[in-house]
Amino acid sequence: MQNLTKWIMDSEASRHFCANKELRIDFEDVADGQCVCMGNSSAAVVKSQGNVLLKFTSEKILSLSNILFVHSLRKI
């Protein structure tokens, strides 16, 4: 089962990814066939791209831009 509330830091990532569609705002579908390569040599399909709002317990909000929505994103 996937934990949609956790974020995983990856200092070597070239893009930011999100698997939780409830965090998405202003997202647009991407062209069919766009994929990202993962560190384990697998590929994941990108569904859409846009912005994400992160709401902290301190009630501050952080907006992240150009986030890729990858539904099949998993930590192994």
PDB file of N, CA and C in Angstrom:
ATOM      1  N   MET A   1       0.834  -1.189   0.000  1.00  0.00           N
ATOM      2  CA  MET A   1       0.000   0.000   0.000  1.00  0.00           C
ATOM      3  C   MET A   1       0.876   1.250   0.000  1.00  0.00           C
ATOM      4  N   GLN A   2       0.455   2.234  -0.684  1.00  0.00           N
ATOM      5  CA  GLN A   2       1.202   3.463  -0.890  1.00  0.00           C
ATOM      6  C   GLN A   2       0.849   4.496   0.185  1.00  0.00           C
ATOM      7  N   ASN A   3       1.859   5.184   0.744  1.00  0.00           N
ATOM      8  CA  ASN A   3       1.632   6.247   1.719  1.00  0.00           C
ATOM      9  C   ASN A   3       1.685   7.576   0.984  1.00  0.00           C
ATOM     10  N   LEU A   4       0.534   8.232   0.819  1.00  0.00           N
ATOM     11  CA  LEU A   4       0.463   9.463   0.038  1.00  0.00           C
ATOM     12  C   LEU A   4       0.790  10.713   0.835  1.00  0.00           C
ATOM     13  N   THR A   5       1.037  10.573   2.128  1.00  0.00           N
ATOM     14  CA  THR A   5       1.346  11.754   2.931  1.00  0.00           C
ATOM     15  C   THR A   5       2.840  11.941   3.124  1.00  0.00           C
ATOM     16  N   LYS A   6       3.642  10.977   2.769  1.00  0.00           N
ATOM     17  CA  LYS A   6       5.082  11.043   2.937  1.00  0.00           C
ATOM     18  C   LYS A   6       5.761  11.641   1.718  1.00  0.00           C
ATOM     19  N   TRP A   7       6.808  12.420   1.958  1.00  0.00           N
ATOM     20  CA  TRP A   7       7.638  12.936   0.878  1.00  0.00           C
ATOM     21  C   TRP A   7       9.019  12.325   1.033  1.00  0.00           C
ATOM     22  N   ILE A   8       9.649  11.994  -0.075  1.00  0.00           N
ATOM     23  CA  ILE A   8      10.965  11.382  -0.072  1.00  0.00           C
ATOM     24  C   ILE A   8      11.955  12.366  -0.685  1.00  0.00           C
ATOM     25  N   MET A   9      13.000  12.672   0.053  1.00  0.00           N
ATOM     26  CA  MET A   9      14.027  13.595  -0.442  1.00  0.00           C
ATOM     27  C   MET A   9      15.017  12.831  -1.319  1.00  0.00           C
ATOM     28  N   ASP A  10      15.360  13.412  -2.447  1.00  0.00           N
ATOM     29  CA  ASP A  10      16.359  12.831  -3.340  1.00  0.00           C
ATOM     30  C   ASP A  10      17.171  13.975  -3.917  1.00  0.00           C
ATOM     31  N   SER A  11      18.343  14.194  -3.368  1.00  0.00           N
ATOM     32  CA  SER A  11      19.163  15.330  -3.789  1.00  0.00           C
ATOM     33  C   SER A  11      19.725  15.174  -5.199  1.00  0.00           C
ATOM     34  N   GLU A  12      19.648  13.975  -5.763  1.00  0.00           N
ATOM     35  CA  GLU A  12      20.151  13.750  -7.112  1.00  0.00           C
ATOM     36  C   GLU A  12      19.054  13.767  -8.169  1.00  0.00           C
ATOM     37  N   ALA A  13      17.809  13.992  -7.756  1.00  0.00           N
ATOM     38  CA  ALA A  13      16.699  14.000  -8.711  1.00  0.00           C
ATOM     39  C   ALA A  13      16.780  15.224  -9.616  1.00  0.00           C
ATOM     40  N   SER A  14      16.453  15.032 -10.870  1.00  0.00           N
ATOM     41  CA  SER A  14      16.460  16.146 -11.817  1.00  0.00           C
ATOM     42  C   SER A  14      15.103  16.849 -11.864  1.00  0.00           C
ATOM     43  N   ARG A  15      14.058  16.215 -11.332  1.00  0.00           N
ATOM     44  CA  ARG A  15      12.699  16.786 -11.290  1.00  0.00           C
ATOM     45  C   ARG A  15      12.039  16.400  -9.981  1.00  0.00           C
ATOM     46  N   HIS A  16      10.957  17.071  -9.648  1.00  0.00           N
ATOM     47  CA  HIS A  16      10.161  16.729  -8.474  1.00  0.00           C
ATOM     48  C   HIS A  16       8.926  15.965  -8.930  1.00  0.00           C
ATOM     49  N   PHE A  17       8.546  14.936  -8.169  1.00  0.00           N
ATOM     50  CA  PHE A  17       7.422  14.081  -8.508  1.00  0.00           C
ATOM     51  C   PHE A  17       6.430  14.026  -7.358  1.00  0.00           C
ATOM     52  N   CYS A  18       5.194  13.772  -7.684  1.00  0.00           N
ATOM     53  CA  CYS A  18       4.144  13.652  -6.685  1.00  0.00           C
ATOM     54  C   CYS A  18       3.210  12.521  -7.113  1.00  0.00           C
ATOM     55  N   ALA A  19       2.789  11.699  -6.143  1.00  0.00           N
ATOM     56  CA  ALA A  19       1.838  10.628  -6.444  1.00  0.00           C
ATOM     57  C   ALA A  19       0.462  10.909  -5.848  1.00  0.00           C
ATOM     58  N   ASN A  20       0.346  11.977  -5.069  1.00  0.00           N
ATOM     59  CA  ASN A  20      -0.913  12.307  -4.403  1.00  0.00           C
ATOM     60  C   ASN A  20      -1.662  13.358  -5.214  1.00  0.00           C
ATOM     61  N   LYS A  21      -2.711  12.937  -5.930  1.00  0.00           N
ATOM     62  CA  LYS A  21      -3.424  13.877  -6.795  1.00  0.00           C
ATOM     63  C   LYS A  21      -4.225  14.919  -6.023  1.00  0.00           C
ATOM     64  N   GLU A  22      -4.447  14.708  -4.742  1.00  0.00           N
ATOM     65  CA  GLU A  22      -5.171  15.691  -3.939  1.00  0.00           C
ATOM     66  C   GLU A  22      -4.349  16.948  -3.656  1.00  0.00           C
ATOM     67  N   LEU A  23      -3.040  16.887  -3.818  1.00  0.00           N
ATOM     68  CA  LEU A  23      -2.173  18.045  -3.599  1.00  0.00           C
ATOM     69  C   LEU A  23      -2.023  18.912  -4.847  1.00  0.00           C
ATOM     70  N   ARG A  24      -2.474  18.413  -5.983  1.00  0.00           N
ATOM     71  CA  ARG A  24      -2.252  19.090  -7.264  1.00  0.00           C
ATOM     72  C   ARG A  24      -3.163  20.297  -7.439  1.00  0.00           C
ATOM     73  N   ILE A  25      -2.606  21.355  -8.013  1.00  0.00           N
ATOM     74  CA  ILE A  25      -3.394  22.500  -8.473  1.00  0.00           C
ATOM     75  C   ILE A  25      -2.855  22.906  -9.835  1.00  0.00           C
ATOM     76  N   ASP A  26      -3.690  23.436 -10.671  1.00  0.00           N
ATOM     77  CA  ASP A  26      -3.261  23.926 -11.991  1.00  0.00           C
ATOM     78  C   ASP A  26      -2.479  22.892 -12.784  1.00  0.00           C
ATOM     79  N   PHE A  27      -2.918  21.652 -12.785  1.00  0.00           N
ATOM     80  CA  PHE A  27      -2.220  20.604 -13.521  1.00  0.00           C
ATOM     81  C   PHE A  27      -2.802  20.460 -14.921  1.00  0.00           C
ATOM     82  N   GLU A  28      -1.925  20.122 -15.866  1.00  0.00           N
ATOM     83  CA  GLU A  28      -2.325  19.864 -17.247  1.00  0.00           C
ATOM     84  C   GLU A  28      -1.800  18.503 -17.657  1.00  0.00           C
ATOM     85  N   ASP A  29      -2.576  17.785 -18.452  1.00  0.00           N
ATOM     86  CA  ASP A  29      -2.139  16.492 -18.964  1.00  0.00           C
ATOM     87  C   ASP A  29      -0.885  16.668 -19.810  1.00  0.00           C
ATOM     88  N   VAL A  30      -0.029  15.649 -19.793  1.00  0.00           N
ATOM     89  CA  VAL A  30       1.176  15.672 -20.626  1.00  0.00           C
ATOM     90  C   VAL A  30       0.978  14.724 -21.803  1.00  0.00           C
ATOM     91  N   ALA A  31       1.841  14.846 -22.780  1.00  0.00           N
ATOM     92  CA  ALA A  31       1.753  14.021 -23.990  1.00  0.00           C
ATOM     93  C   ALA A  31       1.870  12.542 -23.644  1.00  0.00           C
ATOM     94  N   ASP A  32       1.097  11.729 -24.340  1.00  0.00           N
ATOM     95  CA  ASP A  32       1.162  10.284 -24.129  1.00  0.00           C
ATOM     96  C   ASP A  32       2.580   9.782 -24.343  1.00  0.00           C
ATOM     97  N   GLY A  33       2.977   8.873 -23.493  1.00  0.00           N
ATOM     98  CA  GLY A  33       4.283   8.248 -23.666  1.00  0.00           C
ATOM     99  C   GLY A  33       5.409   8.913 -22.908  1.00  0.00           C
ATOM    100  N   GLN A  34       5.160  10.064 -22.240  1.00  0.00           N
ATOM    101  CA  GLN A  34       6.234  10.693 -21.481  1.00  0.00           C
ATOM    102  C   GLN A  34       6.494   9.874 -20.227  1.00  0.00           C
ATOM    103  N   CYS A  35       7.742   9.511 -20.015  1.00  0.00           N
ATOM    104  CA  CYS A  35       8.130   8.681 -18.873  1.00  0.00           C
ATOM    105  C   CYS A  35       9.316   9.301 -18.158  1.00  0.00           C
ATOM    106  N   VAL A  36       9.525   8.866 -16.928  1.00  0.00           N
ATOM    107  CA  VAL A  36      10.721   9.241 -16.178  1.00  0.00           C
ATOM    108  C   VAL A  36      11.459   7.963 -15.817  1.00  0.00           C
ATOM    109  N   CYS A  37      12.766   8.027 -15.805  1.00  0.00           N
ATOM    110  CA  CYS A  37      13.591   6.882 -15.433  1.00  0.00           C
ATOM    111  C   CYS A  37      13.905   6.963 -13.947  1.00  0.00           C
ATOM    112  N   MET A  38      13.736   5.854 -13.264  1.00  0.00           N
ATOM    113  CA  MET A  38      13.989   5.762 -11.830  1.00  0.00           C
ATOM    114  C   MET A  38      15.383   5.206 -11.578  1.00  0.00           C
ATOM    115  N   GLY A  39      15.832   5.372 -10.341  1.00  0.00           N
ATOM    116  CA  GLY A  39      17.164   4.915  -9.960  1.00  0.00           C
ATOM    117  C   GLY A  39      17.367   3.425 -10.064  1.00  0.00           C
ATOM    118  N   ASN A  40      16.273   2.656 -10.043  1.00  0.00           N
ATOM    119  CA  ASN A  40      16.380   1.193 -10.164  1.00  0.00           C
ATOM    120  C   ASN A  40      16.237   0.727 -11.614  1.00  0.00           C
ATOM    121  N   SER A  41      16.387   1.647 -12.555  1.00  0.00           N
ATOM    122  CA  SER A  41      16.330   1.391 -13.999  1.00  0.00           C
ATOM    123  C   SER A  41      14.926   1.123 -14.530  1.00  0.00           C
ATOM    124  N   SER A  42      13.897   1.321 -13.717  1.00  0.00           N
ATOM    125  CA  SER A  42      12.532   1.188 -14.206  1.00  0.00           C
ATOM    126  C   SER A  42      12.052   2.535 -14.737  1.00  0.00           C
ATOM    127  N   ALA A  43      10.953   2.509 -15.464  1.00  0.00           N
ATOM    128  CA  ALA A  43      10.371   3.738 -16.006  1.00  0.00           C
ATOM    129  C   ALA A  43       8.956   3.885 -15.466  1.00  0.00           C
ATOM    130  N   ALA A  44       8.538   5.141 -15.262  1.00  0.00           N
ATOM    131  CA  ALA A  44       7.184   5.421 -14.774  1.00  0.00           C
ATOM    132  C   ALA A  44       6.543   6.445 -15.700  1.00  0.00           C
ATOM    133  N   VAL A  45       5.263   6.255 -15.986  1.00  0.00           N
ATOM    134  CA  VAL A  45       4.532   7.141 -16.891  1.00  0.00           C
ATOM    135  C   VAL A  45       4.129   8.422 -16.159  1.00  0.00           C
ATOM    136  N   VAL A  46       4.367   9.559 -16.806  1.00  0.00           N
ATOM    137  CA  VAL A  46       3.953  10.860 -16.279  1.00  0.00           C
ATOM    138  C   VAL A  46       2.538  11.123 -16.768  1.00  0.00           C
ATOM    139  N   LYS A  47       1.617  11.393 -15.838  1.00  0.00           N
ATOM    140  CA  LYS A  47       0.219  11.646 -16.180  1.00  0.00           C
ATOM    141  C   LYS A  47      -0.054  13.119 -16.450  1.00  0.00           C
ATOM    142  N   SER A  48       0.524  14.004 -15.616  1.00  0.00           N
ATOM    143  CA  SER A  48       0.280  15.437 -15.760  1.00  0.00           C
ATOM    144  C   SER A  48       1.400  16.221 -15.088  1.00  0.00           C
ATOM    145  N   GLN A  49       1.373  17.540 -15.257  1.00  0.00           N
ATOM    146  CA  GLN A  49       2.406  18.417 -14.712  1.00  0.00           C
ATOM    147  C   GLN A  49       1.742  19.690 -14.220  1.00  0.00           C
ATOM    148  N   GLY A  50       2.231  20.215 -13.110  1.00  0.00           N
ATOM    149  CA  GLY A  50       1.662  21.457 -12.598  1.00  0.00           C
ATOM    150  C   GLY A  50       2.242  21.829 -11.254  1.00  0.00           C
ATOM    151  N   ASN A  51       1.413  22.438 -10.410  1.00  0.00           N
ATOM    152  CA  ASN A  51       1.865  22.950  -9.123  1.00  0.00           C
ATOM    153  C   ASN A  51       1.257  22.143  -7.980  1.00  0.00           C
ATOM    154  N   VAL A  52       1.971  22.157  -6.856  1.00  0.00           N
ATOM    155  CA  VAL A  52       1.539  21.462  -5.648  1.00  0.00           C
ATOM    156  C   VAL A  52       1.619  22.439  -4.487  1.00  0.00           C
ATOM    157  N   LEU A  53       0.629  22.401  -3.607  1.00  0.00           N
ATOM    158  CA  LEU A  53       0.657  23.190  -2.382  1.00  0.00           C
ATOM    159  C   LEU A  53       0.901  22.256  -1.205  1.00  0.00           C
ATOM    160  N   LEU A  54       1.952  22.542  -0.442  1.00  0.00           N
ATOM    161  CA  LEU A  54       2.241  21.773   0.766  1.00  0.00           C
ATOM    162  C   LEU A  54       1.823  22.609   1.967  1.00  0.00           C
ATOM    163  N   LYS A  55       0.938  22.066   2.783  1.00  0.00           N
ATOM    164  CA  LYS A  55       0.459  22.775   3.971  1.00  0.00           C
ATOM    165  C   LYS A  55       1.102  22.143   5.200  1.00  0.00           C
ATOM    166  N   PHE A  56       1.858  22.962   5.929  1.00  0.00           N
ATOM    167  CA  PHE A  56       2.572  22.483   7.102  1.00  0.00           C
ATOM    168  C   PHE A  56       1.723  22.631   8.360  1.00  0.00           C
ATOM    169  N   THR A  57       2.097  21.897   9.412  1.00  0.00           N
ATOM    170  CA  THR A  57       1.366  22.000  10.671  1.00  0.00           C
ATOM    171  C   THR A  57       1.480  23.398  11.269  1.00  0.00           C
ATOM    172  N   SER A  58       2.490  24.145  10.883  1.00  0.00           N
ATOM    173  CA  SER A  58       2.657  25.531  11.343  1.00  0.00           C
ATOM    174  C   SER A  58       1.699  26.473  10.614  1.00  0.00           C
ATOM    175  N   GLU A  59       0.891  25.907   9.700  1.00  0.00           N
ATOM    176  CA  GLU A  59      -0.071  26.638   8.880  1.00  0.00           C
ATOM    177  C   GLU A  59       0.565  27.448   7.755  1.00  0.00           C
ATOM    178  N   LYS A  60       1.869  27.285   7.553  1.00  0.00           N
ATOM    179  CA  LYS A  60       2.533  27.901   6.403  1.00  0.00           C
ATOM    180  C   LYS A  60       2.270  27.024   5.187  1.00  0.00           C
ATOM    181  N   ILE A  61       2.293  27.643   4.016  1.00  0.00           N
ATOM    182  CA  ILE A  61       2.041  26.940   2.765  1.00  0.00           C
ATOM    183  C   ILE A  61       3.217  27.158   1.822  1.00  0.00           C
ATOM    184  N   LEU A  62       3.698  26.090   1.248  1.00  0.00           N
ATOM    185  CA  LEU A  62       4.793  26.140   0.285  1.00  0.00           C
ATOM    186  C   LEU A  62       4.253  25.715  -1.070  1.00  0.00           C
ATOM    187  N   SER A  63       4.485  26.518  -2.094  1.00  0.00           N
ATOM    188  CA  SER A  63       4.046  26.200  -3.448  1.00  0.00           C
ATOM    189  C   SER A  63       5.237  25.687  -4.248  1.00  0.00           C
ATOM    190  N   LEU A  64       5.095  24.502  -4.828  1.00  0.00           N
ATOM    191  CA  LEU A  64       6.125  23.917  -5.692  1.00  0.00           C
ATOM    192  C   LEU A  64       5.626  23.935  -7.126  1.00  0.00           C
ATOM    193  N   SER A  65       6.473  24.345  -8.042  1.00  0.00           N
ATOM    194  CA  SER A  65       6.091  24.486  -9.455  1.00  0.00           C
ATOM    195  C   SER A  65       6.690  23.377 -10.314  1.00  0.00           C
ATOM    196  N   ASN A  66       6.035  23.117 -11.438  1.00  0.00           N
ATOM    197  CA  ASN A  66       6.511  22.146 -12.438  1.00  0.00           C
ATOM    198  C   ASN A  66       6.714  20.752 -11.859  1.00  0.00           C
ATOM    199  N   ILE A  67       5.775  20.323 -11.022  1.00  0.00           N
ATOM    200  CA  ILE A  67       5.823  18.997 -10.417  1.00  0.00           C
ATOM    201  C   ILE A  67       5.178  18.001 -11.371  1.00  0.00           C
ATOM    202  N   LEU A  68       5.807  16.843 -11.528  1.00  0.00           N
ATOM    203  CA  LEU A  68       5.262  15.793 -12.383  1.00  0.00           C
ATOM    204  C   LEU A  68       4.402  14.858 -11.539  1.00  0.00           C
ATOM    205  N   PHE A  69       3.165  14.589 -11.996  1.00  0.00           N
ATOM    206  CA  PHE A  69       2.298  13.632 -11.319  1.00  0.00           C
ATOM    207  C   PHE A  69       2.565  12.265 -11.914  1.00  0.00           C
ATOM    208  N   VAL A  70       3.098  11.366 -11.084  1.00  0.00           N
ATOM    209  CA  VAL A  70       3.428  10.000 -11.492  1.00  0.00           C
ATOM    210  C   VAL A  70       2.680   9.072 -10.545  1.00  0.00           C
ATOM    211  N   HIS A  71       1.539   8.571 -10.991  1.00  0.00           N
ATOM    212  CA  HIS A  71       0.670   7.769 -10.133  1.00  0.00           C
ATOM    213  C   HIS A  71       1.352   6.516  -9.621  1.00  0.00           C
ATOM    214  N   SER A  72       2.208   5.924 -10.404  1.00  0.00           N
ATOM    215  CA  SER A  72       2.836   4.649 -10.025  1.00  0.00           C
ATOM    216  C   SER A  72       4.096   4.836  -9.197  1.00  0.00           C
ATOM    217  N   LEU A  73       4.376   6.020  -8.724  1.00  0.00           N
ATOM    218  CA  LEU A  73       5.572   6.302  -7.940  1.00  0.00           C
ATOM    219  C   LEU A  73       5.554   5.506  -6.631  1.00  0.00           C
ATOM    220  N   ARG A  74       6.612   4.780  -6.372  1.00  0.00           N
ATOM    221  CA  ARG A  74       6.726   3.951  -5.163  1.00  0.00           C
ATOM    222  C   ARG A  74       8.136   4.036  -4.621  1.00  0.00           C
ATOM    223  N   LYS A  75       8.252   3.866  -3.324  1.00  0.00           N
ATOM    224  CA  LYS A  75       9.583   3.743  -2.695  1.00  0.00           C
ATOM    225  C   LYS A  75       9.839   2.256  -2.529  1.00  0.00           C
ATOM    226  N   ILE A  76      11.024   1.817  -2.965  1.00  0.00           N
ATOM    227  CA  ILE A  76      11.340   0.393  -2.820  1.00  0.00           C
ATOM    228  C   ILE A  76      12.460   0.203  -1.839  1.00  0.00           C
TER     229      ILE A  76
END
